[in-house]
N, C-alpha and C. Protein backbone atom coordinates (compact mmCIF):
# COMPACT_ATOMS: atom_id res chain seq x y z
N MET A 1 0.86 -1.19 0.00
CA MET A 1 0.00 0.00 0.00
C MET A 1 0.88 1.23 0.00
N THR A 2 0.53 2.20 -0.81
CA THR A 2 1.32 3.42 -0.90
C THR A 2 0.46 4.61 -0.53
N GLY A 3 1.10 5.78 -0.44
CA GLY A 3 0.37 6.99 -0.12
C GLY A 3 0.34 7.24 1.36
N THR A 4 -0.36 8.30 1.76
CA THR A 4 -0.44 8.69 3.17
C THR A 4 -1.43 7.80 3.89
N PRO A 5 -1.05 7.16 4.99
CA PRO A 5 -1.96 6.30 5.74
C PRO A 5 -3.14 7.09 6.24
N PRO A 6 -4.33 6.43 6.37
CA PRO A 6 -5.50 7.13 6.90
C PRO A 6 -5.22 7.71 8.28
N GLY A 7 -5.59 8.98 8.46
CA GLY A 7 -5.42 9.61 9.75
C GLY A 7 -4.03 10.16 10.01
N ALA A 8 -3.11 9.98 9.04
CA ALA A 8 -1.75 10.46 9.26
C ALA A 8 -1.69 11.97 9.08
N PRO A 9 -0.71 12.63 9.73
CA PRO A 9 -0.58 14.07 9.57
C PRO A 9 -0.30 14.42 8.12
N PRO A 10 -0.78 15.58 7.64
CA PRO A 10 -0.51 15.99 6.27
C PRO A 10 0.96 16.30 6.10
N PRO A 11 1.46 16.29 4.85
CA PRO A 11 2.86 16.64 4.63
C PRO A 11 3.17 18.01 5.19
N SER A 12 4.36 18.17 5.73
CA SER A 12 4.74 19.44 6.33
C SER A 12 5.00 20.47 5.25
N ALA A 13 4.81 21.72 5.62
CA ALA A 13 5.09 22.81 4.70
C ALA A 13 6.59 22.90 4.48
N PRO A 14 7.02 23.45 3.34
CA PRO A 14 8.45 23.60 3.09
C PRO A 14 9.12 24.34 4.22
N GLY A 15 10.25 23.79 4.66
CA GLY A 15 10.97 24.42 5.75
C GLY A 15 10.41 24.09 7.12
N LYS A 16 9.30 23.33 7.15
CA LYS A 16 8.69 22.98 8.43
C LYS A 16 8.61 21.47 8.57
N GLY A 17 9.63 20.77 8.11
CA GLY A 17 9.61 19.33 8.14
C GLY A 17 9.70 18.79 9.54
N ALA A 18 9.48 17.46 9.63
CA ALA A 18 9.47 16.82 10.94
C ALA A 18 10.81 16.95 11.65
N GLY A 19 11.91 17.17 10.88
CA GLY A 19 13.22 17.30 11.49
C GLY A 19 13.48 18.67 12.08
N ASP A 20 12.61 19.62 11.80
CA ASP A 20 12.75 20.97 12.32
C ASP A 20 12.40 20.97 13.81
N PRO A 21 13.31 21.43 14.68
CA PRO A 21 13.02 21.43 16.12
C PRO A 21 11.77 22.21 16.47
N ARG A 22 11.50 23.30 15.76
CA ARG A 22 10.30 24.08 16.05
C ARG A 22 9.04 23.28 15.74
N THR A 23 9.08 22.54 14.64
CA THR A 23 7.94 21.69 14.28
C THR A 23 7.73 20.62 15.34
N ALA A 24 8.82 20.00 15.77
CA ALA A 24 8.73 18.95 16.79
C ALA A 24 8.14 19.50 18.08
N ARG A 25 8.57 20.69 18.48
CA ARG A 25 8.05 21.28 19.72
C ARG A 25 6.57 21.63 19.59
N THR A 26 6.20 22.18 18.44
CA THR A 26 4.79 22.55 18.23
C THR A 26 3.90 21.32 18.26
N ARG A 27 4.30 20.29 17.58
CA ARG A 27 3.49 19.07 17.55
C ARG A 27 3.43 18.42 18.92
N ALA A 28 4.53 18.48 19.65
CA ALA A 28 4.53 17.92 21.00
C ALA A 28 3.54 18.66 21.89
N ARG A 29 3.49 19.99 21.77
CA ARG A 29 2.54 20.77 22.56
C ARG A 29 1.10 20.44 22.18
N LEU A 30 0.86 20.25 20.90
CA LEU A 30 -0.49 19.91 20.45
C LEU A 30 -0.89 18.51 20.92
N ARG A 31 0.05 17.59 20.86
CA ARG A 31 -0.25 16.23 21.34
C ARG A 31 -0.57 16.23 22.83
N GLN A 32 0.24 16.95 23.60
CA GLN A 32 0.00 17.00 25.05
C GLN A 32 -1.31 17.69 25.36
N ALA A 33 -1.62 18.76 24.62
CA ALA A 33 -2.88 19.46 24.84
C ALA A 33 -4.06 18.53 24.56
N LEU A 34 -3.95 17.72 23.53
CA LEU A 34 -5.04 16.79 23.22
C LEU A 34 -5.19 15.75 24.32
N LEU A 35 -4.09 15.20 24.79
CA LEU A 35 -4.16 14.21 25.87
C LEU A 35 -4.78 14.84 27.13
N ASP A 36 -4.42 16.08 27.41
CA ASP A 36 -4.99 16.76 28.57
C ASP A 36 -6.49 16.99 28.39
N GLU A 37 -6.89 17.38 27.18
CA GLU A 37 -8.32 17.59 26.90
C GLU A 37 -9.09 16.27 27.03
N CYS A 38 -8.52 15.20 26.51
CA CYS A 38 -9.21 13.91 26.51
C CYS A 38 -9.23 13.28 27.90
N ALA A 39 -8.43 13.79 28.80
CA ALA A 39 -8.51 13.34 30.19
C ALA A 39 -9.74 13.93 30.88
N GLU A 40 -10.32 14.96 30.27
CA GLU A 40 -11.48 15.64 30.86
C GLU A 40 -12.78 15.37 30.12
N ARG A 41 -12.69 15.00 28.82
CA ARG A 41 -13.89 14.79 28.02
C ARG A 41 -13.56 13.86 26.86
N PRO A 42 -14.57 13.21 26.25
CA PRO A 42 -14.33 12.33 25.10
C PRO A 42 -13.78 13.12 23.91
N LEU A 43 -13.08 12.43 23.03
CA LEU A 43 -12.48 13.08 21.86
C LEU A 43 -13.53 13.79 21.03
N GLU A 44 -14.73 13.18 20.88
CA GLU A 44 -15.76 13.80 20.03
C GLU A 44 -16.28 15.11 20.61
N GLU A 45 -15.97 15.39 21.88
CA GLU A 45 -16.40 16.65 22.48
C GLU A 45 -15.28 17.69 22.52
N VAL A 46 -14.12 17.32 22.04
CA VAL A 46 -12.98 18.24 22.02
C VAL A 46 -13.06 19.09 20.75
N GLY A 47 -12.90 20.38 20.89
CA GLY A 47 -12.90 21.28 19.73
C GLY A 47 -11.53 21.85 19.49
N VAL A 48 -11.29 22.26 18.25
CA VAL A 48 -10.00 22.84 17.90
C VAL A 48 -9.74 24.11 18.70
N ALA A 49 -10.79 24.91 18.90
CA ALA A 49 -10.61 26.17 19.63
C ALA A 49 -10.10 25.94 21.04
N ALA A 50 -10.73 24.99 21.76
CA ALA A 50 -10.29 24.69 23.12
C ALA A 50 -8.89 24.08 23.12
N LEU A 51 -8.62 23.27 22.14
CA LEU A 51 -7.31 22.61 22.06
C LEU A 51 -6.19 23.62 21.88
N VAL A 52 -6.34 24.51 20.91
CA VAL A 52 -5.25 25.46 20.66
C VAL A 52 -5.13 26.47 21.79
N ARG A 53 -6.24 26.77 22.46
CA ARG A 53 -6.17 27.64 23.63
C ARG A 53 -5.34 26.99 24.72
N ARG A 54 -5.55 25.70 24.93
CA ARG A 54 -4.76 24.99 25.95
C ARG A 54 -3.30 24.91 25.54
N ALA A 55 -3.05 24.74 24.24
CA ALA A 55 -1.68 24.63 23.75
C ALA A 55 -0.99 25.99 23.66
N GLY A 56 -1.77 27.08 23.72
CA GLY A 56 -1.18 28.41 23.65
C GLY A 56 -0.75 28.80 22.25
N MET A 57 -1.56 28.43 21.25
CA MET A 57 -1.25 28.79 19.87
C MET A 57 -2.54 29.03 19.10
N GLY A 58 -2.44 29.42 17.85
CA GLY A 58 -3.61 29.75 17.05
C GLY A 58 -4.10 28.59 16.20
N ARG A 59 -5.32 28.74 15.69
CA ARG A 59 -5.92 27.71 14.83
C ARG A 59 -5.09 27.49 13.57
N ALA A 60 -4.55 28.59 13.02
CA ALA A 60 -3.77 28.47 11.80
C ALA A 60 -2.56 27.56 12.01
N THR A 61 -1.96 27.66 13.19
CA THR A 61 -0.81 26.79 13.49
C THR A 61 -1.25 25.33 13.55
N PHE A 62 -2.40 25.09 14.16
CA PHE A 62 -2.90 23.71 14.21
C PHE A 62 -3.05 23.14 12.81
N TYR A 63 -3.72 23.87 11.93
CA TYR A 63 -3.99 23.35 10.59
C TYR A 63 -2.75 23.32 9.70
N LEU A 64 -1.71 24.01 10.11
CA LEU A 64 -0.44 23.89 9.39
C LEU A 64 0.16 22.51 9.59
N HIS A 65 -0.14 21.90 10.75
CA HIS A 65 0.49 20.63 11.10
C HIS A 65 -0.45 19.42 10.98
N TYR A 66 -1.75 19.63 11.13
CA TYR A 66 -2.69 18.51 11.12
C TYR A 66 -3.93 18.83 10.32
N GLN A 67 -4.43 17.83 9.63
CA GLN A 67 -5.62 18.00 8.82
C GLN A 67 -6.87 18.19 9.69
N ASP A 68 -6.93 17.43 10.78
CA ASP A 68 -8.08 17.52 11.68
C ASP A 68 -7.69 16.92 13.03
N LEU A 69 -8.64 16.88 13.95
CA LEU A 69 -8.35 16.38 15.29
C LEU A 69 -8.03 14.89 15.28
N GLN A 70 -8.66 14.14 14.40
CA GLN A 70 -8.36 12.71 14.36
C GLN A 70 -6.92 12.46 13.95
N ALA A 71 -6.43 13.25 13.00
CA ALA A 71 -5.03 13.11 12.59
C ALA A 71 -4.10 13.39 13.76
N LEU A 72 -4.42 14.43 14.55
CA LEU A 72 -3.62 14.72 15.74
C LEU A 72 -3.73 13.58 16.74
N ALA A 73 -4.93 13.03 16.91
CA ALA A 73 -5.12 11.95 17.87
C ALA A 73 -4.29 10.73 17.50
N VAL A 74 -4.27 10.39 16.22
CA VAL A 74 -3.47 9.25 15.79
C VAL A 74 -1.99 9.51 16.05
N ASP A 75 -1.54 10.73 15.77
CA ASP A 75 -0.14 11.08 16.03
C ASP A 75 0.16 11.01 17.53
N ALA A 76 -0.79 11.50 18.35
CA ALA A 76 -0.59 11.47 19.80
C ALA A 76 -0.51 10.04 20.33
N CYS A 77 -1.18 9.12 19.64
CA CYS A 77 -1.20 7.72 20.08
C CYS A 77 -0.15 6.87 19.38
N ALA A 78 0.61 7.46 18.46
CA ALA A 78 1.58 6.68 17.71
C ALA A 78 2.63 6.03 18.61
N GLU A 79 2.93 6.69 19.73
CA GLU A 79 3.90 6.12 20.65
C GLU A 79 3.41 4.79 21.22
N VAL A 80 2.09 4.65 21.36
CA VAL A 80 1.53 3.39 21.83
C VAL A 80 1.85 2.27 20.84
N VAL A 81 1.75 2.58 19.56
CA VAL A 81 2.08 1.59 18.53
C VAL A 81 3.54 1.19 18.62
N ARG A 82 4.42 2.18 18.72
CA ARG A 82 5.85 1.87 18.84
C ARG A 82 6.13 1.04 20.09
N ASP A 83 5.50 1.41 21.19
CA ASP A 83 5.71 0.66 22.43
C ASP A 83 5.23 -0.78 22.30
N ALA A 84 4.08 -0.97 21.64
CA ALA A 84 3.54 -2.32 21.47
C ALA A 84 4.47 -3.18 20.62
N VAL A 85 4.89 -2.63 19.50
CA VAL A 85 5.77 -3.39 18.60
C VAL A 85 7.09 -3.72 19.28
N ASP A 86 7.66 -2.75 19.99
CA ASP A 86 8.92 -2.99 20.67
C ASP A 86 8.76 -4.01 21.80
N ALA A 87 7.66 -3.91 22.55
CA ALA A 87 7.44 -4.83 23.67
C ALA A 87 7.32 -6.27 23.19
N LEU A 88 6.67 -6.47 22.07
CA LEU A 88 6.47 -7.82 21.55
C LEU A 88 7.75 -8.43 20.97
N HIS A 89 8.73 -7.59 20.72
CA HIS A 89 9.99 -8.10 20.15
C HIS A 89 11.16 -7.93 21.12
N ALA A 90 10.87 -7.72 22.39
CA ALA A 90 11.92 -7.52 23.39
C ALA A 90 12.33 -8.85 24.02
N TRP A 91 12.78 -9.78 23.20
CA TRP A 91 13.25 -11.06 23.70
C TRP A 91 14.41 -11.52 22.83
N ARG A 92 15.20 -12.41 23.35
CA ARG A 92 16.35 -12.94 22.63
C ARG A 92 16.33 -14.46 22.73
N GLY A 93 16.88 -15.11 21.70
CA GLY A 93 16.90 -16.56 21.71
C GLY A 93 15.52 -17.12 21.41
N ALA A 94 15.23 -18.28 21.98
CA ALA A 94 13.93 -18.92 21.77
C ALA A 94 12.90 -18.32 22.73
N PRO A 95 11.76 -17.82 22.24
CA PRO A 95 10.76 -17.23 23.13
C PRO A 95 10.13 -18.27 24.05
N ASP A 96 9.95 -17.92 25.30
CA ASP A 96 9.32 -18.80 26.28
C ASP A 96 7.84 -18.44 26.37
N PRO A 97 6.92 -19.33 25.95
CA PRO A 97 5.50 -18.98 25.96
C PRO A 97 4.95 -18.75 27.37
N ARG A 98 5.66 -19.21 28.38
CA ARG A 98 5.17 -19.05 29.76
C ARG A 98 5.44 -17.67 30.32
N VAL A 99 6.42 -16.98 29.75
CA VAL A 99 6.85 -15.68 30.30
C VAL A 99 6.89 -14.64 29.19
N PRO A 100 6.00 -13.64 29.22
CA PRO A 100 6.03 -12.60 28.18
C PRO A 100 7.27 -11.74 28.30
N PRO A 101 7.67 -11.06 27.25
CA PRO A 101 8.81 -10.14 27.34
C PRO A 101 8.57 -9.12 28.45
N PRO A 102 9.61 -8.74 29.17
CA PRO A 102 9.45 -7.83 30.32
C PRO A 102 8.65 -6.56 30.05
N PRO A 103 8.78 -5.93 28.87
CA PRO A 103 8.01 -4.68 28.68
C PRO A 103 6.52 -4.88 28.40
N LEU A 104 6.06 -6.11 28.19
CA LEU A 104 4.69 -6.29 27.73
C LEU A 104 3.66 -5.99 28.82
N VAL A 105 3.91 -6.42 30.04
CA VAL A 105 2.97 -6.11 31.13
C VAL A 105 2.91 -4.60 31.39
N PRO A 106 4.05 -3.91 31.52
CA PRO A 106 3.97 -2.45 31.68
C PRO A 106 3.27 -1.75 30.52
N PHE A 107 3.40 -2.31 29.31
CA PHE A 107 2.70 -1.72 28.16
C PHE A 107 1.19 -1.72 28.40
N PHE A 108 0.63 -2.87 28.77
CA PHE A 108 -0.81 -2.94 29.02
C PHE A 108 -1.22 -2.06 30.20
N THR A 109 -0.40 -2.04 31.24
CA THR A 109 -0.72 -1.24 32.43
C THR A 109 -0.76 0.25 32.10
N ALA A 110 0.15 0.71 31.23
CA ALA A 110 0.26 2.13 30.91
C ALA A 110 -0.87 2.63 30.02
N LEU A 111 -1.69 1.74 29.49
CA LEU A 111 -2.79 2.18 28.62
C LEU A 111 -3.92 2.84 29.40
N THR A 112 -4.02 2.54 30.68
CA THR A 112 -5.19 2.95 31.47
C THR A 112 -5.46 4.45 31.48
N PRO A 113 -4.46 5.32 31.70
CA PRO A 113 -4.77 6.75 31.82
C PRO A 113 -5.49 7.35 30.61
N HIS A 114 -5.18 6.86 29.41
CA HIS A 114 -5.79 7.43 28.20
C HIS A 114 -6.61 6.38 27.45
N ALA A 115 -7.17 5.42 28.19
CA ALA A 115 -7.92 4.33 27.56
C ALA A 115 -9.10 4.83 26.74
N ALA A 116 -9.77 5.88 27.22
CA ALA A 116 -10.94 6.41 26.50
C ALA A 116 -10.55 6.91 25.12
N LEU A 117 -9.42 7.58 25.02
CA LEU A 117 -8.94 8.06 23.72
C LEU A 117 -8.58 6.89 22.82
N TYR A 118 -7.89 5.90 23.37
CA TYR A 118 -7.52 4.74 22.56
C TYR A 118 -8.75 4.01 22.04
N ARG A 119 -9.79 3.93 22.87
CA ARG A 119 -11.01 3.25 22.43
C ARG A 119 -11.68 3.98 21.27
N THR A 120 -11.53 5.28 21.24
CA THR A 120 -12.10 6.06 20.13
C THR A 120 -11.41 5.74 18.81
N LEU A 121 -10.12 5.50 18.86
CA LEU A 121 -9.32 5.29 17.64
C LEU A 121 -9.09 3.82 17.32
N LEU A 122 -9.39 2.94 18.27
CA LEU A 122 -9.17 1.51 18.09
C LEU A 122 -10.48 0.80 18.41
N ARG A 123 -11.24 0.46 17.39
CA ARG A 123 -12.57 -0.10 17.57
C ARG A 123 -12.49 -1.59 17.89
N PRO A 124 -13.57 -2.15 18.45
CA PRO A 124 -13.58 -3.59 18.74
C PRO A 124 -13.22 -4.40 17.48
N GLY A 125 -12.40 -5.40 17.68
CA GLY A 125 -11.94 -6.20 16.55
C GLY A 125 -10.66 -5.70 15.93
N GLY A 126 -10.25 -4.46 16.28
CA GLY A 126 -8.99 -3.93 15.77
C GLY A 126 -9.11 -2.92 14.67
N GLY A 127 -10.34 -2.46 14.35
CA GLY A 127 -10.50 -1.45 13.32
C GLY A 127 -10.19 -0.06 13.82
N GLY A 128 -10.37 0.92 12.94
CA GLY A 128 -10.10 2.30 13.31
C GLY A 128 -8.69 2.71 12.94
N PRO A 129 -8.41 4.01 12.93
CA PRO A 129 -7.09 4.49 12.48
C PRO A 129 -5.93 3.98 13.31
N LEU A 130 -6.10 3.89 14.63
CA LEU A 130 -5.01 3.37 15.46
C LEU A 130 -4.81 1.88 15.22
N GLY A 131 -5.90 1.16 15.02
CA GLY A 131 -5.81 -0.26 14.73
C GLY A 131 -5.09 -0.53 13.41
N GLU A 132 -5.41 0.29 12.41
CA GLU A 132 -4.76 0.12 11.11
C GLU A 132 -3.26 0.39 11.21
N LEU A 133 -2.91 1.42 11.97
CA LEU A 133 -1.49 1.75 12.14
C LEU A 133 -0.76 0.64 12.89
N LEU A 134 -1.36 0.15 13.97
CA LEU A 134 -0.73 -0.92 14.75
C LEU A 134 -0.59 -2.17 13.91
N HIS A 135 -1.62 -2.54 13.19
CA HIS A 135 -1.55 -3.74 12.34
C HIS A 135 -0.44 -3.62 11.32
N ARG A 136 -0.34 -2.46 10.67
CA ARG A 136 0.67 -2.27 9.63
C ARG A 136 2.08 -2.35 10.19
N GLU A 137 2.32 -1.64 11.31
CA GLU A 137 3.67 -1.61 11.89
C GLU A 137 4.07 -2.96 12.47
N LEU A 138 3.13 -3.62 13.15
CA LEU A 138 3.44 -4.91 13.76
C LEU A 138 3.66 -5.98 12.70
N ARG A 139 2.84 -5.96 11.66
CA ARG A 139 3.01 -6.95 10.59
C ARG A 139 4.37 -6.81 9.92
N GLU A 140 4.78 -5.57 9.63
CA GLU A 140 6.05 -5.37 8.96
C GLU A 140 7.23 -5.80 9.84
N ARG A 141 7.17 -5.47 11.13
CA ARG A 141 8.26 -5.86 12.03
C ARG A 141 8.32 -7.38 12.18
N SER A 142 7.17 -8.02 12.32
CA SER A 142 7.14 -9.48 12.46
C SER A 142 7.61 -10.16 11.19
N ARG A 143 7.17 -9.63 10.04
CA ARG A 143 7.58 -10.23 8.76
C ARG A 143 9.09 -10.13 8.58
N ALA A 144 9.65 -8.94 8.87
CA ALA A 144 11.08 -8.73 8.67
C ALA A 144 11.90 -9.64 9.58
N GLU A 145 11.52 -9.75 10.84
CA GLU A 145 12.31 -10.56 11.77
C GLU A 145 12.17 -12.06 11.46
N ARG A 146 10.97 -12.48 11.04
CA ARG A 146 10.80 -13.90 10.69
C ARG A 146 11.58 -14.24 9.42
N ALA A 147 11.56 -13.33 8.46
CA ALA A 147 12.33 -13.56 7.23
C ALA A 147 13.82 -13.59 7.52
N LEU A 148 14.27 -12.70 8.39
CA LEU A 148 15.69 -12.66 8.75
C LEU A 148 16.13 -13.97 9.40
N ALA A 149 15.22 -14.56 10.19
CA ALA A 149 15.54 -15.82 10.86
C ALA A 149 15.42 -17.03 9.95
N GLY A 150 14.91 -16.82 8.73
CA GLY A 150 14.75 -17.92 7.79
C GLY A 150 13.57 -18.82 8.11
N ALA A 151 12.62 -18.33 8.90
CA ALA A 151 11.44 -19.12 9.24
C ALA A 151 10.47 -19.14 8.06
N PRO A 152 9.69 -20.20 7.93
CA PRO A 152 8.79 -20.31 6.78
C PRO A 152 7.60 -19.37 6.88
N ALA A 153 7.03 -19.07 5.71
CA ALA A 153 5.80 -18.29 5.58
C ALA A 153 5.81 -16.99 6.39
N PRO A 154 6.81 -16.13 6.20
CA PRO A 154 6.87 -14.91 7.01
C PRO A 154 5.67 -13.99 6.80
N GLU A 155 5.17 -13.89 5.55
CA GLU A 155 4.02 -13.01 5.31
C GLU A 155 2.77 -13.53 6.00
N LEU A 156 2.53 -14.82 5.91
CA LEU A 156 1.33 -15.42 6.51
C LEU A 156 1.34 -15.27 8.03
N ILE A 157 2.44 -15.65 8.64
CA ILE A 157 2.51 -15.61 10.11
C ILE A 157 2.49 -14.17 10.60
N ALA A 158 3.16 -13.27 9.88
CA ALA A 158 3.16 -11.86 10.29
C ALA A 158 1.75 -11.29 10.27
N SER A 159 0.97 -11.64 9.25
CA SER A 159 -0.42 -11.17 9.18
C SER A 159 -1.23 -11.73 10.35
N ALA A 160 -1.03 -13.01 10.65
CA ALA A 160 -1.77 -13.64 11.75
C ALA A 160 -1.40 -13.01 13.09
N VAL A 161 -0.12 -12.75 13.29
CA VAL A 161 0.33 -12.12 14.54
C VAL A 161 -0.26 -10.72 14.68
N ALA A 162 -0.21 -9.94 13.61
CA ALA A 162 -0.69 -8.56 13.66
C ALA A 162 -2.18 -8.49 13.93
N VAL A 163 -2.95 -9.30 13.24
CA VAL A 163 -4.41 -9.24 13.42
C VAL A 163 -4.81 -9.78 14.79
N THR A 164 -4.09 -10.79 15.28
CA THR A 164 -4.40 -11.35 16.60
C THR A 164 -4.13 -10.35 17.70
N PHE A 165 -2.94 -9.77 17.72
CA PHE A 165 -2.62 -8.85 18.79
C PHE A 165 -3.49 -7.60 18.73
N THR A 166 -3.67 -7.04 17.54
CA THR A 166 -4.47 -5.83 17.41
C THR A 166 -5.91 -6.08 17.86
N GLY A 167 -6.47 -7.20 17.45
CA GLY A 167 -7.84 -7.52 17.84
C GLY A 167 -8.00 -7.77 19.33
N VAL A 168 -7.06 -8.51 19.92
CA VAL A 168 -7.13 -8.77 21.36
C VAL A 168 -6.97 -7.47 22.15
N LEU A 169 -6.03 -6.64 21.75
CA LEU A 169 -5.82 -5.37 22.44
C LEU A 169 -7.08 -4.51 22.39
N ALA A 170 -7.68 -4.42 21.20
CA ALA A 170 -8.89 -3.61 21.05
C ALA A 170 -10.03 -4.15 21.90
N ASP A 171 -10.25 -5.44 21.84
CA ASP A 171 -11.37 -6.02 22.60
C ASP A 171 -11.14 -5.89 24.11
N TRP A 172 -9.89 -5.98 24.53
CA TRP A 172 -9.58 -5.80 25.96
C TRP A 172 -9.86 -4.36 26.39
N LEU A 173 -9.46 -3.39 25.57
CA LEU A 173 -9.70 -1.99 25.89
C LEU A 173 -11.20 -1.69 25.96
N HIS A 174 -11.99 -2.37 25.13
CA HIS A 174 -13.44 -2.14 25.10
C HIS A 174 -14.20 -3.01 26.10
N GLY A 175 -13.48 -3.77 26.92
CA GLY A 175 -14.13 -4.57 27.94
C GLY A 175 -14.74 -5.86 27.45
N LEU A 176 -14.46 -6.24 26.22
CA LEU A 176 -14.98 -7.50 25.69
C LEU A 176 -14.19 -8.70 26.22
N ILE A 177 -12.97 -8.43 26.69
CA ILE A 177 -12.15 -9.43 27.37
C ILE A 177 -11.86 -8.87 28.76
N GLU A 178 -12.38 -9.51 29.77
CA GLU A 178 -12.16 -9.04 31.14
C GLU A 178 -10.93 -9.74 31.70
N ASP A 179 -9.89 -8.95 31.90
CA ASP A 179 -8.62 -9.52 32.36
C ASP A 179 -7.75 -8.41 32.90
N SER A 180 -6.82 -8.77 33.76
CA SER A 180 -5.86 -7.80 34.28
C SER A 180 -4.75 -7.59 33.25
N PRO A 181 -4.02 -6.48 33.35
CA PRO A 181 -2.89 -6.28 32.43
C PRO A 181 -1.89 -7.43 32.48
N GLU A 182 -1.62 -7.94 33.68
CA GLU A 182 -0.65 -9.03 33.81
C GLU A 182 -1.14 -10.29 33.09
N SER A 183 -2.41 -10.61 33.29
CA SER A 183 -2.95 -11.84 32.70
C SER A 183 -3.10 -11.73 31.19
N ILE A 184 -3.61 -10.61 30.70
CA ILE A 184 -3.81 -10.48 29.26
C ILE A 184 -2.47 -10.47 28.53
N ALA A 185 -1.45 -9.88 29.13
CA ALA A 185 -0.12 -9.90 28.52
C ALA A 185 0.39 -11.32 28.37
N THR A 186 0.22 -12.12 29.41
CA THR A 186 0.68 -13.51 29.37
C THR A 186 -0.11 -14.33 28.36
N ARG A 187 -1.40 -14.15 28.35
CA ARG A 187 -2.25 -14.97 27.47
C ARG A 187 -2.07 -14.63 25.99
N VAL A 188 -1.98 -13.34 25.69
CA VAL A 188 -1.80 -12.99 24.29
C VAL A 188 -0.41 -13.38 23.82
N TRP A 189 0.57 -13.33 24.71
CA TRP A 189 1.92 -13.76 24.35
C TRP A 189 1.93 -15.25 23.99
N ARG A 190 1.21 -16.06 24.75
CA ARG A 190 1.13 -17.49 24.43
C ARG A 190 0.49 -17.71 23.06
N LEU A 191 -0.53 -16.93 22.76
CA LEU A 191 -1.16 -17.04 21.44
C LEU A 191 -0.16 -16.74 20.32
N LEU A 192 0.59 -15.67 20.50
CA LEU A 192 1.52 -15.26 19.45
C LEU A 192 2.65 -16.26 19.26
N VAL A 193 3.16 -16.79 20.36
CA VAL A 193 4.22 -17.82 20.24
C VAL A 193 3.67 -19.05 19.54
N ALA A 194 2.43 -19.41 19.87
CA ALA A 194 1.82 -20.57 19.20
C ALA A 194 1.69 -20.34 17.71
N LEU A 195 1.35 -19.14 17.31
CA LEU A 195 1.25 -18.84 15.88
C LEU A 195 2.61 -19.00 15.19
N HIS A 196 3.66 -18.51 15.83
CA HIS A 196 4.99 -18.63 15.25
C HIS A 196 5.44 -20.09 15.12
N ARG A 197 4.90 -20.96 15.96
CA ARG A 197 5.32 -22.36 15.95
C ARG A 197 4.43 -23.27 15.10
N LEU A 198 3.41 -22.69 14.47
CA LEU A 198 2.52 -23.51 13.65
C LEU A 198 3.28 -24.10 12.46
N PRO A 199 3.02 -25.35 12.12
CA PRO A 199 3.68 -25.97 10.96
C PRO A 199 3.02 -25.52 9.66
N VAL A 200 3.51 -24.45 9.09
CA VAL A 200 2.88 -23.88 7.88
C VAL A 200 3.79 -23.96 6.67
N GLY A 201 4.91 -24.61 6.79
CA GLY A 201 5.86 -24.67 5.67
C GLY A 201 5.36 -25.50 4.51
């Protein structure tokens, strides 16, 4: 798939690229302002006017960096995607299905403060802009590492891993799976290890 992913920030203006420190600071302020707003009300009740007032900047600055509030929300939650992908690959040698990688439990635990925002962007079953981003990033990382290891069917297993984790995470956030962060981390890890060990060659 090519082009700009759904919900992604629009291309930066000339001279205002992502590598520009001023751009990075502005976007960081907007992301934090959104998280602060969403701690008080649902995303659908957040307005651009209130957001930029909290961030201490004008509407024109907001629209210079983001197409709309959903694009900002996806950017604000992008760190969750990176944390998830990194947590699932924080192991060496042969993975032990009984013990999840050390960062996986803290990952699930850290979702609680902004769970309402994540639920808005990650629908049950794994849909929504955050779900699409997580699926894409996790699938690519899993495919690359499985191919590097010479394991069979890297595309198939990577797709299965991505859809399984994204769906379980979404359903857990929406209360469709009642479990503690510690337990869900262990159980989903066992599922993923089992997928990697399936005889699909």
